[in-house]
C-alpha atoms as a PDB file:
ATOM      1  CA  UNK A   1      96.755 101.218 105.667  1.00  0.00           C
ATOM      2  CA  UNK A   2      97.978 102.232 109.067  1.00  0.00           C
ATOM      3  CA  UNK A   3      99.163  99.620 111.562  1.00  0.00           C
ATOM      4  CA  UNK A   4      96.462 100.614 114.006  1.00  0.00           C
ATOM      5  CA  UNK A   5      93.810  99.938 111.302  1.00  0.00           C
ATOM      6  CA  UNK A   6      95.363  96.548 110.440  1.00  0.00           C
ATOM      7  CA  UNK A   7      95.505  95.609 114.154  1.00  0.00           C
ATOM      8  CA  UNK A   8      91.800  96.321 114.434  1.00  0.00           C
ATOM      9  CA  UNK A   9      90.948  94.302 111.278  1.00  0.00           C
ATOM     10  CA  UNK A  10      93.211  91.307 112.102  1.00  0.00           C
ATOM     11  CA  UNK A  11      90.638  89.466 114.364  1.00  0.00           C
ATOM     12  CA  UNK A  12      87.968  89.744 111.723  1.00  0.00           C
ATOM     13  CA  UNK A  13      90.395  88.631 108.955  1.00  0.00           C
ATOM     14  CA  UNK A  14      91.352  85.593 110.968  1.00  0.00           C
ATOM     15  CA  UNK A  15      87.749  84.350 110.601  1.00  0.00           C
ATOM     16  CA  UNK A  16      87.785  84.688 106.693  1.00  0.00           C
ATOM     17  CA  UNK A  17      88.636  81.226 105.619  1.00  0.00           C
ATOM     18  CA  UNK A  18      87.786  81.727 101.974  1.00  0.00           C
ATOM     19  CA  UNK A  19      90.120  84.528 101.100  1.00  0.00           C
ATOM     20  CA  UNK A  20      92.245  83.373  98.064  1.00  0.00           C
ATOM     21  CA  UNK A  21      94.397  86.535  97.437  1.00  0.00           C
ATOM     22  CA  UNK A  22      95.730  89.358  99.592  1.00  0.00           C
ATOM     23  CA  UNK A  23      97.710  92.417  98.688  1.00  0.00           C
ATOM     24  CA  UNK A  24      99.182  94.619 101.388  1.00  0.00           C
ATOM     25  CA  UNK A  25     101.988  96.126  99.303  1.00  0.00           C
ATOM     26  CA  UNK A  26     103.002  99.653 100.037  1.00  0.00           C
ATOM     27  CA  UNK A  27     101.796  99.560 103.690  1.00  0.00           C
ATOM     28  CA  UNK A  28     104.305 100.497 106.338  1.00  0.00           C
ATOM     29  CA  UNK A  29     104.128  97.555 108.664  1.00  0.00           C
ATOM     30  CA  UNK A  30     106.561  96.618 111.437  1.00  0.00           C
ATOM     31  CA  UNK A  31     107.864  93.113 111.952  1.00  0.00           C
ATOM     32  CA  UNK A  32     105.677  92.458 115.032  1.00  0.00           C
ATOM     33  CA  UNK A  33     102.474  93.570 113.253  1.00  0.00           C
ATOM     34  CA  UNK A  34     103.245  91.632 110.138  1.00  0.00           C
ATOM     35  CA  UNK A  35     104.059  88.480 112.128  1.00  0.00           C
ATOM     36  CA  UNK A  36     100.881  88.929 114.135  1.00  0.00           C
ATOM     37  CA  UNK A  37      98.840  89.141 110.917  1.00  0.00           C
ATOM     38  CA  UNK A  38     100.524  86.032 109.522  1.00  0.00           C
ATOM     39  CA  UNK A  39      99.867  84.059 112.669  1.00  0.00           C
ATOM     40  CA  UNK A  40      96.198  85.149 112.853  1.00  0.00           C
ATOM     41  CA  UNK A  41      95.508  84.299 109.247  1.00  0.00           C
ATOM     42  CA  UNK A  42      96.773  80.673 109.475  1.00  0.00           C
ATOM     43  CA  UNK A  43      93.376  79.345 108.466  1.00  0.00           C
ATOM     44  CA  UNK A  44      93.528  80.897 105.038  1.00  0.00           C
ATOM     45  CA  UNK A  45      93.697  77.452 103.451  1.00  0.00           C
ATOM     46  CA  UNK A  46      92.186  78.719 100.128  1.00  0.00           C
ATOM     47  CA  UNK A  47      94.991  81.250  99.754  1.00  0.00           C
ATOM     48  CA  UNK A  48      96.618  81.266  96.331  1.00  0.00           C
ATOM     49  CA  UNK A  49      98.862  84.312  96.477  1.00  0.00           C
ATOM     50  CA  UNK A  50      99.962  86.679  99.300  1.00  0.00           C
ATOM     51  CA  UNK A  51     101.669  90.017  98.887  1.00  0.00           C
ATOM     52  CA  UNK A  52     103.043  91.876 101.835  1.00  0.00           C
ATOM     53  CA  UNK A  53     105.268  94.927 102.270  1.00  0.00           C
ATOM     54  CA  UNK A  54     108.822  94.571 103.611  1.00  0.00           C
ATOM     55  CA  UNK A  55     108.916  95.209 107.265  1.00  0.00           C
ATOM     56  CA  UNK A  56     109.845  98.837 108.084  1.00  0.00           C
ATOM     57  CA  UNK A  57     112.836  97.533 110.043  1.00  0.00           C
ATOM     58  CA  UNK A  58     114.392  96.493 106.678  1.00  0.00           C
ATOM     59  CA  UNK A  59     114.887 100.188 105.583  1.00  0.00           C
ATOM     60  CA  UNK A  60     117.683 102.661 106.296  1.00  0.00           C
ATOM     61  CA  UNK A  61     117.226 106.209 107.473  1.00  0.00           C
ATOM     62  CA  UNK A  62     116.788 107.374 103.838  1.00  0.00           C
ATOM     63  CA  UNK A  63     114.070 104.841 102.895  1.00  0.00           C
ATOM     64  CA  UNK A  64     116.208 102.386 100.993  1.00  0.00           C
ATOM     65  CA  UNK A  65     115.896  98.722 101.603  1.00  0.00           C
ATOM     66  CA  UNK A  66     118.806  97.153 103.411  1.00  0.00           C
ATOM     67  CA  UNK A  67     119.063  93.757 101.739  1.00  0.00           C
ATOM     68  CA  UNK A  68     121.033  92.160 104.637  1.00  0.00           C
ATOM     69  CA  UNK A  69     118.309  93.301 107.133  1.00  0.00           C
ATOM     70  CA  UNK A  70     115.667  91.887 104.908  1.00  0.00           C
ATOM     71  CA  UNK A  71     117.371  88.587 104.388  1.00  0.00           C
ATOM     72  CA  UNK A  72     117.733  88.165 108.220  1.00  0.00           C
ATOM     73  CA  UNK A  73     114.017  88.792 108.780  1.00  0.00           C
ATOM     74  CA  UNK A  74     112.640  86.892 105.769  1.00  0.00           C
ATOM     75  CA  UNK A  75     113.168  83.394 107.262  1.00  0.00           C
ATOM     76  CA  UNK A  76     111.332  84.436 110.454  1.00  0.00           C
ATOM     77  CA  UNK A  77     108.363  85.585 108.477  1.00  0.00           C
ATOM     78  CA  UNK A  78     108.287  82.442 106.303  1.00  0.00           C
ATOM     79  CA  UNK A  79     108.504  80.282 109.403  1.00  0.00           C
ATOM     80  CA  UNK A  80     105.584  82.021 110.904  1.00  0.00           C
ATOM     81  CA  UNK A  81     103.571  81.039 107.826  1.00  0.00           C
ATOM     82  CA  UNK A  82     104.898  77.625 107.061  1.00  0.00           C
ATOM     83  CA  UNK A  83     104.324  76.217 110.552  1.00  0.00           C
ATOM     84  CA  UNK A  84     100.646  76.759 110.180  1.00  0.00           C
ATOM     85  CA  UNK A  85      99.887  76.168 106.488  1.00  0.00           C
ATOM     86  CA  UNK A  86     101.090  74.942 103.177  1.00  0.00           C
ATOM     87  CA  UNK A  87     102.773  77.915 101.382  1.00  0.00           C
ATOM     88  CA  UNK A  88     101.878  78.670  97.780  1.00  0.00           C
ATOM     89  CA  UNK A  89     102.941  82.070  96.462  1.00  0.00           C
ATOM     90  CA  UNK A  90     104.183  84.522  99.029  1.00  0.00           C
ATOM     91  CA  UNK A  91     105.781  87.841  98.065  1.00  0.00           C
ATOM     92  CA  UNK A  92     107.287  90.168 100.655  1.00  0.00           C
ATOM     93  CA  UNK A  93     108.560  93.243  98.882  1.00  0.00           C
ATOM     94  CA  UNK A  94     107.618  96.901  97.874  1.00  0.00           C
ATOM     95  CA  UNK A  95     105.548  97.045  94.820  1.00  0.00           C
ATOM     96  CA  UNK A  96     107.049 100.367  94.048  1.00  0.00           C
ATOM     97  CA  UNK A  97     110.598  99.090  94.265  1.00  0.00           C
ATOM     98  CA  UNK A  98     112.468  98.867  90.992  1.00  0.00           C
ATOM     99  CA  UNK A  99     114.083  95.680  91.936  1.00  0.00           C
ATOM    100  CA  UNK A 100     112.479  93.767  94.845  1.00  0.00           C
ATOM    101  CA  UNK A 101     113.962  91.149  97.048  1.00  0.00           C
ATOM    102  CA  UNK A 102     111.640  88.260  97.587  1.00  0.00           C
ATOM    103  CA  UNK A 103     111.401  85.532 100.119  1.00  0.00           C
ATOM    104  CA  UNK A 104     111.319  82.192  98.372  1.00  0.00           C
END
């Protein structure tokens, strides 16, 4: 999914309070778009599991994840979620990655 498509869908998603699972792995999302999505979906109180792609800012010029970049951004994303709702299972990684780095 393109960022522009997600940006258009975000207001509608924010009104969907019964969503229990979301999987946005393997989507190239920037940090601002991902944070905006997380903030607009704060009412997802029935959420059991969330799966999001690593922000594109976490990758080097060759498409490899830079663990240090990811570890610096992960708390910011988790803070965006935890200030608005109780966290259950949140994964921020690439599904296609052989070994993923996860926010816990």
